[in-house]
Protein backbone atom coordinates (compact mmCIF):
# COMPACT_ATOMS: atom_id res chain seq x y z
CA MET A 1 0.31 -26.23 0.35
CA ASP A 2 2.72 -28.26 -2.30
CA GLY A 3 5.41 -25.54 -3.28
CA ARG A 4 4.28 -25.56 -6.53
CA VAL A 5 4.77 -22.14 -8.55
CA THR A 6 1.69 -20.91 -10.69
CA VAL A 7 2.79 -17.88 -13.39
CA LEU A 8 0.47 -15.42 -15.22
CA GLY A 9 1.61 -13.70 -18.19
CA THR A 10 -0.04 -10.43 -17.96
CA GLY A 11 1.74 -8.53 -20.62
CA VAL A 12 2.69 -5.44 -18.48
CA PRO A 13 4.76 -4.86 -15.73
CA VAL A 14 3.17 -5.38 -12.84
CA TYR A 15 3.14 -2.51 -10.00
CA ALA A 16 0.95 -4.08 -7.24
CA LEU A 17 -1.32 -6.70 -5.75
CA SER A 18 -3.91 -7.47 -3.60
CA PHE A 19 -5.64 -10.11 -2.56
CA ALA A 20 -10.01 -10.73 -2.69
CA GLY A 21 -10.56 -13.18 -0.40
CA SER A 22 -8.82 -16.51 -1.44
CA LYS A 23 -10.22 -16.95 -4.87
CA HIS A 24 -9.52 -13.28 -6.84
CA LEU A 25 -5.59 -11.39 -7.10
CA PHE A 26 -6.30 -7.89 -8.26
CA TYR A 27 -3.08 -6.55 -10.34
CA VAL A 28 -2.43 -3.21 -11.54
CA GLY A 29 0.48 -1.90 -13.91
CA GLY A 30 1.42 -1.10 -17.34
CA GLY A 31 3.78 1.30 -19.26
CA GLY A 32 6.19 -1.05 -20.58
CA ALA A 33 7.16 -5.09 -22.16
CA GLY A 34 5.51 -7.78 -20.12
CA LYS A 35 6.07 -9.29 -17.10
CA LYS A 36 4.44 -12.48 -14.83
CA ALA A 37 2.54 -12.64 -11.67
CA ARG A 38 3.80 -15.60 -9.25
CA THR A 39 1.93 -17.11 -6.71
CA ARG A 40 3.08 -19.50 -4.32
CA ASN A 41 0.23 -21.29 -2.83
CA GLY A 42 0.21 -23.79 -5.72
CA ALA A 43 -3.16 -22.39 -6.60
CA ASP A 44 -3.54 -22.13 -10.61
CA LEU A 45 -4.27 -18.53 -12.03
CA CYS A 46 -6.80 -18.21 -14.90
CA ALA A 47 -7.22 -14.42 -16.14
CA ALA A 48 -10.44 -13.36 -15.09
CA GLY A 49 -11.35 -9.94 -16.33
CA ASP A 50 -9.29 -6.32 -16.77
CA LEU A 51 -9.82 -2.79 -17.61
CA THR A 52 -7.93 -1.07 -19.55
CA LEU A 53 -7.56 3.05 -19.00
CA ARG A 54 -6.80 5.67 -21.05
CA THR A 55 -3.71 5.67 -23.25
CA ASP A 56 -3.27 9.37 -22.44
CA GLU A 57 -3.63 8.20 -18.60
CA ASP A 58 -0.34 7.34 -16.40
CA ALA A 59 -0.08 3.63 -15.14
CA PRO A 60 -2.05 2.51 -12.20
CA MET A 61 0.89 2.09 -8.99
CA CYS A 62 -0.72 0.88 -5.80
CA ILE A 63 -3.53 -0.97 -4.96
CA SER A 64 -6.33 -1.66 -2.05
CA VAL A 65 -9.42 -4.22 -1.78
CA HIS A 66 -11.87 -3.25 0.42
CA PRO A 67 -12.12 -5.34 2.72
CA ASN A 68 -16.47 -6.02 2.77
CA ASP A 69 -17.45 -4.06 -0.58
CA SER A 70 -16.84 -5.15 -4.27
CA LEU A 71 -14.48 -2.01 -4.17
CA LEU A 72 -10.95 -1.93 -4.96
CA ALA A 73 -8.88 1.73 -5.10
CA CYS A 74 -6.07 2.75 -7.09
CA GLY A 75 -3.36 5.46 -7.73
CA ILE A 76 -3.40 6.58 -10.83
CA ASN A 77 -2.47 10.12 -12.08
CA GLU A 78 -4.62 12.14 -14.78
CA ALA A 79 -3.33 12.92 -17.92
CA ALA A 80 -0.09 15.27 -17.98
CA ALA A 81 -2.25 18.21 -19.49
CA LYS A 82 -4.92 17.95 -16.45
CA MET A 83 -2.71 17.59 -13.67
CA LYS A 84 -2.16 21.04 -13.24
CA GLU A 85 -6.15 22.00 -13.34
CA GLN A 86 -6.87 19.05 -10.59
CA ASN A 87 -5.26 15.73 -10.80
CA ARG A 88 -8.27 13.41 -9.18
CA HIS A 89 -5.62 10.70 -8.37
CA LEU A 90 -7.70 8.47 -6.42
CA ARG A 91 -9.70 5.96 -7.93
CA THR A 92 -12.35 3.72 -6.94
CA PHE A 93 -13.78 1.15 -8.79
CA ASN A 94 -16.53 -1.30 -8.26
CA TYR A 95 -15.89 -4.97 -9.26
CA GLU A 96 -18.60 -7.69 -9.92
CA VAL A 97 -18.03 -11.46 -10.01
CA VAL A 98 -20.26 -13.69 -12.47
CA ALA A 99 -20.12 -17.21 -13.09
CA ARG A 100 -19.44 -18.98 -15.60
CA PRO A 101 -20.30 -22.54 -15.78
CA GLY A 102 -18.03 -25.12 -17.60
CA ALA A 103 -15.36 -22.82 -18.18
CA ARG A 104 -12.73 -24.94 -15.89
CA ALA A 105 -13.19 -27.88 -18.67
CA ASP A 106 -12.05 -24.92 -21.14
CA GLY A 107 -8.92 -23.96 -18.68
CA ALA A 108 -10.39 -20.55 -18.20
CA ALA A 109 -11.20 -19.36 -15.05
CA GLU A 110 -14.61 -20.44 -13.47
CA ASN A 111 -15.72 -16.66 -12.94
CA SER A 112 -15.27 -13.50 -14.85
CA VAL A 113 -14.51 -10.41 -12.93
CA ARG A 114 -16.36 -7.47 -14.30
CA ILE A 115 -14.44 -4.22 -13.21
CA HIS A 116 -16.46 -0.82 -13.51
CA PRO A 117 -14.80 3.12 -12.93
CA SER A 118 -16.82 4.29 -9.78
CA SER A 119 -15.11 7.76 -8.44
CA SER A 120 -12.14 9.93 -8.50
CA TYR A 121 -10.76 12.09 -5.97
CA ALA A 122 -7.70 14.66 -5.70
CA SER A 123 -6.85 13.50 -2.66
CA LEU A 124 -3.21 14.64 -2.18
CA GLY A 125 -2.76 17.67 -4.87
CA ILE A 126 -0.47 16.40 -6.93
CA ASP A 127 0.32 18.25 -9.81
CA ASP A 128 3.90 17.79 -10.99
CA VAL A 129 4.09 14.85 -14.02
CA ASP A 130 7.19 13.79 -11.83
CA HIS A 131 5.68 12.59 -8.51
CA TYR A 132 2.18 10.30 -8.10
CA GLN A 133 0.30 8.23 -5.71
CA LYS A 134 2.85 5.93 -4.42
CA ALA A 135 0.63 3.59 -1.36
CA ILE A 136 -2.55 3.07 -0.19
CA ALA A 137 -4.46 0.96 2.09
CA PHE A 138 -7.99 0.58 3.79
CA SER A 139 -8.11 -0.54 7.12
CA PRO A 140 -9.14 -3.91 8.59
CA ASP A 141 -12.44 -2.51 9.18
CA GLY A 142 -13.14 -1.14 5.66
CA ALA A 143 -13.89 2.45 7.56
CA LEU A 144 -10.92 4.77 6.57
CA LEU A 145 -8.43 4.74 3.67
CA ALA A 146 -4.97 5.87 3.91
CA VAL A 147 -3.09 7.34 0.74
CA ALA A 148 0.40 9.05 0.03
CA SER A 149 2.01 9.98 -2.35
CA SER A 150 5.67 9.94 -3.95
CA ASP A 151 6.75 13.56 -2.59
CA GLY A 152 5.78 13.22 0.81
CA ARG A 153 2.14 13.77 1.30
CA ILE A 154 -0.36 11.49 3.29
CA GLN A 155 -4.22 11.49 3.81
CA LEU A 156 -6.89 9.55 5.38
CA HIS A 157 -10.48 9.38 4.24
CA ARG A 158 -13.48 8.37 5.73
CA TYR A 159 -15.29 5.45 3.80
CA PRO A 160 -18.18 5.12 2.45
CA ASP A 161 -18.22 9.20 1.73
CA MET A 162 -14.73 9.25 1.00
CA GLU A 163 -14.68 12.81 2.79
CA PRO A 164 -10.48 13.76 4.04
CA ILE A 165 -10.09 13.49 7.40
CA TRP A 166 -6.86 16.16 7.61
CA THR A 167 -8.13 19.71 6.28
CA GLN A 168 -4.90 19.21 4.28
CA PRO A 169 -2.25 16.19 3.69
CA TYR A 170 0.05 15.67 6.33
CA GLU A 171 3.89 16.41 4.67
CA VAL A 172 6.72 14.24 5.60
CA GLU A 173 9.89 15.79 7.12
CA GLY A 174 12.06 16.83 3.90
CA ARG A 175 9.24 15.70 1.75
CA GLN A 176 10.75 11.91 1.03
CA GLU A 177 9.31 9.58 -0.52
CA VAL A 178 6.66 7.23 0.88
CA TYR A 179 6.94 3.84 0.30
CA ASP A 180 4.06 2.02 2.49
CA LEU A 181 1.24 2.46 4.47
CA ASP A 182 -0.63 0.49 6.95
CA PHE A 183 -3.37 0.24 9.64
CA SER A 184 -3.23 -1.55 13.11
CA HIS A 185 -5.34 -4.22 13.86
CA ASP A 186 -8.11 -1.84 14.94
CA GLY A 187 -7.72 0.86 12.50
CA THR A 188 -7.21 3.58 15.22
CA GLN A 189 -3.28 4.12 14.05
CA LEU A 190 -1.70 4.66 10.75
CA VAL A 191 2.17 3.89 10.18
CA CYS A 192 4.02 5.39 7.16
CA THR A 193 6.95 4.70 6.08
CA THR A 194 9.61 6.35 4.55
CA GLY A 195 13.62 5.55 3.70
CA GLN A 196 15.08 7.09 7.09
CA ARG A 197 11.80 6.62 9.48
CA LEU A 198 8.80 5.67 10.43
CA TYR A 199 5.87 8.07 11.66
CA ILE A 200 2.92 6.31 13.12
CA PHE A 201 -0.27 8.52 13.25
CA SER A 202 -3.69 8.63 15.70
CA THR A 203 -6.68 7.82 12.86
CA ALA A 204 -8.07 10.19 15.35
CA PRO A 205 -7.89 13.60 14.04
CA ARG A 206 -5.94 16.97 16.17
CA THR A 207 -8.91 19.74 16.29
CA SER A 208 -7.70 23.51 16.38
CA GLU A 209 -9.99 26.51 16.12
CA ASN A 210 -9.06 29.56 14.29
CA SER A 211 -11.68 32.29 14.66
CA ASP A 212 -14.74 30.82 12.90
CA LEU A 213 -12.77 27.96 11.11
CA VAL A 214 -12.56 24.80 12.13
CA ALA A 215 -9.24 22.19 11.33
CA PHE A 216 -8.12 19.31 11.56
CA SER A 217 -5.09 18.19 11.21
CA ALA A 218 -2.63 14.57 11.39
CA ARG A 219 -2.38 13.57 14.95
CA LEU A 220 1.46 12.03 15.02
CA LEU A 221 2.32 9.57 18.05
CA GLN A 222 5.60 8.67 17.47
CA THR A 223 8.36 8.86 15.27
CA ILE A 224 10.80 5.91 14.54
CA ASP A 225 14.55 6.16 12.98
CA THR A 226 16.10 3.54 10.89
CA VAL A 227 17.83 0.55 12.45
CA THR A 228 21.50 0.95 12.62
CA ILE A 229 23.05 -2.60 12.32
CA GLY A 230 26.98 -2.65 13.20
CA SER A 231 28.36 0.78 11.88
CA GLU A 232 25.76 1.19 9.10
CA SER A 233 22.32 2.72 8.88
CA GLY A 234 19.51 0.60 6.49
CA VAL A 235 16.92 2.65 4.64
CA LEU A 236 13.67 1.33 5.36
CA ARG A 237 11.12 -0.19 3.31
CA ALA A 238 8.15 -1.72 4.66
CA ALA A 239 6.20 -1.11 7.91
CA LYS A 240 3.57 -3.67 9.24
CA PHE A 241 1.33 -3.60 12.27
CA GLY A 242 1.19 -7.51 13.51
CA ARG A 243 -2.02 -8.80 13.66
CA GLY A 244 -4.14 -11.67 15.64
CA LYS A 245 -5.72 -12.12 18.93
CA PRO A 246 -4.42 -10.80 22.13
CA ASP A 247 -2.96 -12.90 23.56
CA VAL A 248 -1.50 -15.52 21.26
CA GLY A 249 -1.20 -12.58 18.16
CA THR A 250 0.95 -10.12 17.27
CA ARG A 251 -1.03 -7.15 17.40
CA ASP A 252 1.01 -5.61 19.99
CA ARG A 253 3.92 -5.49 17.76
CA LEU A 254 5.70 -3.18 14.78
CA TYR A 255 7.68 -4.79 12.34
CA ALA A 256 9.93 -3.30 9.28
CA LEU A 257 11.69 -4.26 6.88
CA ILE A 258 15.19 -2.92 6.18
CA ASN A 259 18.07 -2.76 3.65
CA MET A 260 21.52 -2.27 4.69
CA ALA A 261 24.32 -0.37 2.57
CA PRO A 262 27.13 -2.45 1.58
CA GLY A 263 30.11 -2.86 3.78
CA LYS A 264 33.31 -1.51 3.65
CA ARG A 265 35.07 -5.02 3.02
CA SER A 266 31.68 -6.65 1.27
CA LYS A 267 29.42 -5.58 -1.73
CA VAL A 268 26.58 -7.41 0.03
CA ARG A 269 23.38 -5.20 0.71
CA SER A 270 21.78 -7.63 3.11
CA SER A 271 18.17 -6.82 4.49
CA TYR A 272 16.59 -7.30 7.71
CA LEU A 273 13.62 -7.51 9.32
CA ALA A 274 13.21 -5.32 12.95
CA MET A 275 10.22 -5.28 15.77
CA TRP A 276 8.89 -2.84 17.99
CA ASN A 277 6.92 -3.20 21.06
CA ALA A 278 4.14 -1.20 19.62
CA ASP A 279 3.04 0.35 23.14
CA THR A 280 6.17 1.32 24.22
CA TRP A 281 8.22 1.78 20.64
CA SER A 282 11.25 -0.05 22.54
CA LEU A 283 13.24 -2.03 19.82
CA LYS A 284 12.63 -5.71 20.93
CA ILE A 285 14.72 -7.14 17.96
CA SER A 286 15.99 -7.61 14.62
CA ARG A 287 17.11 -10.31 12.48
CA LYS A 288 18.48 -11.06 8.83
CA VAL A 289 16.27 -11.91 6.51
CA ALA A 290 18.53 -12.83 2.88
CA ASN A 291 22.05 -11.21 1.10
CA ARG A 292 20.34 -8.74 -0.77
CA PRO A 293 18.26 -5.70 -0.26
CA ALA A 294 14.31 -6.77 -0.31
CA THR A 295 11.25 -4.73 -1.49
CA VAL A 296 8.21 -5.87 0.07
CA MET A 297 6.57 -7.90 2.46
CA SER A 298 3.22 -8.78 4.26
CA LEU A 299 1.72 -10.17 7.63
CA ARG A 300 -0.94 -12.16 8.34
């Protein structure tokens, strides 16, 4: 890696990014003045394709690319007039990569990417125009899809049939905004991040029977409150399970990004990275990241 920063003008604010392999980066956004997408991997960025939504629809707010299939999933609210009826905010799109021989010589992308709408689902029951699907994640094997909203609702779906696993979406305490979702390496656990608490679920639902009805609900394994550093409690922004091989990787750990409030004698709002043992849920270590708030993180 040579340390270059490559910039691509997108023409819209960018709200989320997701890689498809090592050659393609999908982004979603819209609704304002132009922004720029950046990458620090030294690779050249060339626009390869896009899909424009209807003008009466909300901007896409999150995206996840399937690890095996040529499919991506996004959160896009329906037009305001349709939201009260049924807001099919969970959208899937198929994409295909088409070679363009000789395009690189002209400064264009060597492949074009064609994006086609596939299906849409009313996953979380969002009917308020002030709320939207905030987070989305496929499991590492692509068999599960988790979605969450800005008003604290979470749902699990099976892939590819997209059937909901829980009979009703899970609602976090106080209906706090959900910032992030992530699966464990084997897809058996899901972590959900709100500002003050992490929720860790089993992806195997809890079953209950009432008369002739069978209901499936979320199986909550653990909650972890935000870390206190000094005398101040931080605000959680993201959480990720570790990855890698059993003996040399980090799969037995859970990491969280935390922003602190300014201290009494300083206006600095530091950010920290905390690590827990993912078997005992005990806090092992926390380290300062920067003297400013952080908003996202990614682990490999």
